[in-house]
Protein backbone atom coordinates (compact mmCIF):
# COMPACT_ATOMS: atom_id res chain seq x y z
CA MET A 1 48.00 133.99 29.31
CA LYS A 2 50.44 130.64 29.80
CA SER A 3 52.84 133.40 32.26
CA LEU A 4 49.15 133.66 33.98
CA LEU A 5 48.19 130.52 34.30
CA ARG A 6 51.79 128.85 34.81
CA SER A 7 51.84 131.97 38.25
CA LEU A 8 48.17 130.66 39.08
CA SER A 9 50.00 127.28 39.18
CA GLN A 10 52.27 127.95 41.62
CA LEU A 11 49.58 129.59 43.74
CA GLY A 12 48.27 125.84 44.85
CA PRO A 13 49.61 124.98 47.90
CA ILE A 14 49.18 128.64 49.00
CA SER A 15 45.46 128.37 47.82
CA ILE A 16 44.92 125.09 49.45
CA ALA A 17 46.43 127.33 52.98
CA ILE A 18 43.90 129.46 52.27
CA LEU A 19 41.00 127.45 51.85
CA ARG A 20 41.63 125.54 55.10
CA VAL A 21 41.64 128.76 57.48
CA VAL A 22 38.98 130.38 55.36
CA MET A 23 37.05 126.97 56.38
CA GLY A 24 38.55 126.95 59.88
CA VAL A 25 37.26 129.97 60.94
CA ILE A 26 33.54 129.09 59.34
CA PHE A 27 33.80 126.14 61.40
CA LEU A 28 35.35 127.37 64.96
CA TYR A 29 31.96 130.57 64.97
CA GLN A 30 29.47 127.73 63.54
CA GLY A 31 30.89 125.52 66.52
CA TYR A 32 31.10 127.96 69.24
CA ASN A 33 27.60 129.21 68.25
CA LYS A 34 26.35 125.60 68.46
CA VAL A 35 28.12 124.50 72.26
CA PHE A 36 27.76 128.00 73.59
CA LYS A 37 24.89 129.44 72.12
CA ALA A 38 22.54 126.67 71.25
CA GLY A 39 22.91 123.89 74.18
CA PHE A 40 25.47 121.68 71.58
CA ALA A 41 22.37 122.28 69.04
CA ILE A 42 20.16 119.15 70.69
CA GLU A 43 16.96 121.04 69.85
CA TYR A 44 17.94 122.31 66.66
CA PHE A 45 18.67 119.23 65.80
CA ARG A 46 15.25 117.27 66.45
CA ASN A 47 13.05 119.54 65.99
CA THR A 48 14.57 121.36 62.38
CA PHE A 49 16.14 118.11 60.81
CA HIS A 50 14.35 115.66 62.55
CA ILE A 51 17.24 113.85 63.25
CA PRO A 52 17.28 110.59 65.85
CA VAL A 53 19.70 110.51 68.86
CA SER A 54 19.83 114.12 68.85
CA GLU A 55 21.37 114.46 72.56
CA PHE A 56 24.17 112.29 70.55
CA PHE A 57 24.92 114.12 67.00
CA GLY A 58 23.92 117.38 68.44
CA PRO A 59 27.26 117.47 70.96
CA LEU A 60 29.30 115.08 68.63
CA VAL A 61 28.78 118.15 65.33
CA SER A 62 29.01 121.08 67.84
CA VAL A 63 32.29 120.14 69.11
CA LEU A 64 33.57 118.95 65.62
CA GLU A 65 33.43 122.24 64.96
CA LEU A 66 34.54 124.08 67.24
CA GLY A 67 37.81 121.62 67.83
CA GLY A 68 38.36 120.77 64.51
CA GLY A 69 37.62 124.46 63.73
CA ALA A 70 40.30 126.03 65.28
CA LEU A 71 42.79 122.89 63.96
CA LEU A 72 42.01 123.38 60.32
CA ILE A 73 43.08 126.94 61.26
CA VAL A 74 46.68 125.99 62.41
CA GLY A 75 46.98 123.44 59.87
CA LEU A 76 46.80 120.29 62.46
CA PHE A 77 45.29 116.54 61.52
CA THR A 78 43.66 118.84 57.96
CA ARG A 79 43.17 115.28 56.13
CA TYR A 80 41.54 113.72 59.27
CA LEU A 81 38.92 116.19 59.38
CA GLY A 82 39.05 116.52 56.11
CA ILE A 83 37.23 112.84 55.94
CA LEU A 84 34.89 113.46 59.26
CA PHE A 85 33.87 116.76 57.95
CA THR A 86 32.92 115.31 54.46
CA ILE A 87 30.74 112.89 56.53
CA GLU A 88 29.10 115.62 58.12
CA PHE A 89 28.41 117.73 55.12
CA ILE A 90 27.39 114.09 53.18
CA VAL A 91 24.47 113.85 55.76
CA ALA A 92 23.80 117.38 55.80
CA ALA A 93 23.51 117.92 52.07
CA LEU A 94 21.10 114.69 52.39
CA ILE A 95 18.89 115.72 54.93
CA GLN A 96 18.77 119.23 53.76
CA ALA A 97 17.90 117.75 50.35
CA SER A 98 15.33 115.82 51.92
CA LEU A 99 13.53 118.36 53.86
CA LYS A 100 13.45 121.01 51.00
CA GLY A 101 14.61 119.89 48.14
CA PRO A 102 18.01 119.14 46.44
CA THR A 103 18.32 122.98 44.95
CA LYS A 104 17.89 124.02 48.73
CA ALA A 105 20.96 122.06 49.71
CA MET A 106 23.87 124.12 47.73
CA LEU A 107 25.81 125.55 50.59
CA GLU A 108 25.50 122.32 52.33
CA TYR A 109 27.33 121.16 48.32
CA VAL A 110 29.99 123.91 48.34
CA ILE A 111 31.18 122.89 52.11
CA LEU A 112 31.47 119.42 50.96
CA VAL A 113 33.50 119.60 48.23
CA ALA A 114 35.66 122.56 50.11
CA VAL A 115 36.33 119.68 52.86
CA PHE A 116 36.48 117.05 50.52
CA VAL A 117 39.35 118.79 49.22
CA LEU A 118 41.04 119.34 52.31
CA ALA A 119 40.45 115.85 52.91
CA THR A 120 42.49 114.98 49.59
CA HIS A 121 45.16 117.37 49.06
CA GLY A 122 46.35 118.46 53.29
CA ALA A 123 47.20 121.44 54.59
CA GLY A 124 49.09 123.57 52.16
CA THR A 125 51.83 125.91 53.36
CA LEU A 126 51.80 127.14 56.71
CA SER A 127 50.88 124.71 58.83
CA LEU A 128 51.66 122.76 61.49
CA ASP A 129 50.68 119.35 59.26
CA LYS A 130 54.21 118.32 58.05
CA PRO A 131 55.03 115.61 54.77
CA GLY A 132 55.73 112.53 56.29
CA GLN A 133 54.14 112.94 59.51
CA ARG A 134 52.43 109.68 60.83
CA TRP A 135 49.57 111.63 60.41
CA GLU A 136 50.20 113.06 56.69
CA PRO A 137 51.58 110.95 54.13
């Protein structure tokens, strides 16, 4: 059991990279749908979530998810994107929980935790972010 735990501990940076790429693919897909299929999600935000100033927040979130997803896949600006996505999903979880109840926001909670891990741990291995670069401490 100790050797299994030791082996798993050595996979830490790779697991962060896997999380980064998976989250990047999810955001890229969702951002693509919002930008190219849902008109920047303006009506969706307005009618479903009753978000004020949907004309601003719809395109903002759409472009963040599309561009940020692509950047996460290659591992560039990971911590900054993690912070932006953390803010997005704090808001998303609060809105979803207030509209449908706290148990209906579980997906938002999981995504919130995942992007918070990226904000706190960085890109992991196999990324364009390198420790010591101006955007990566």
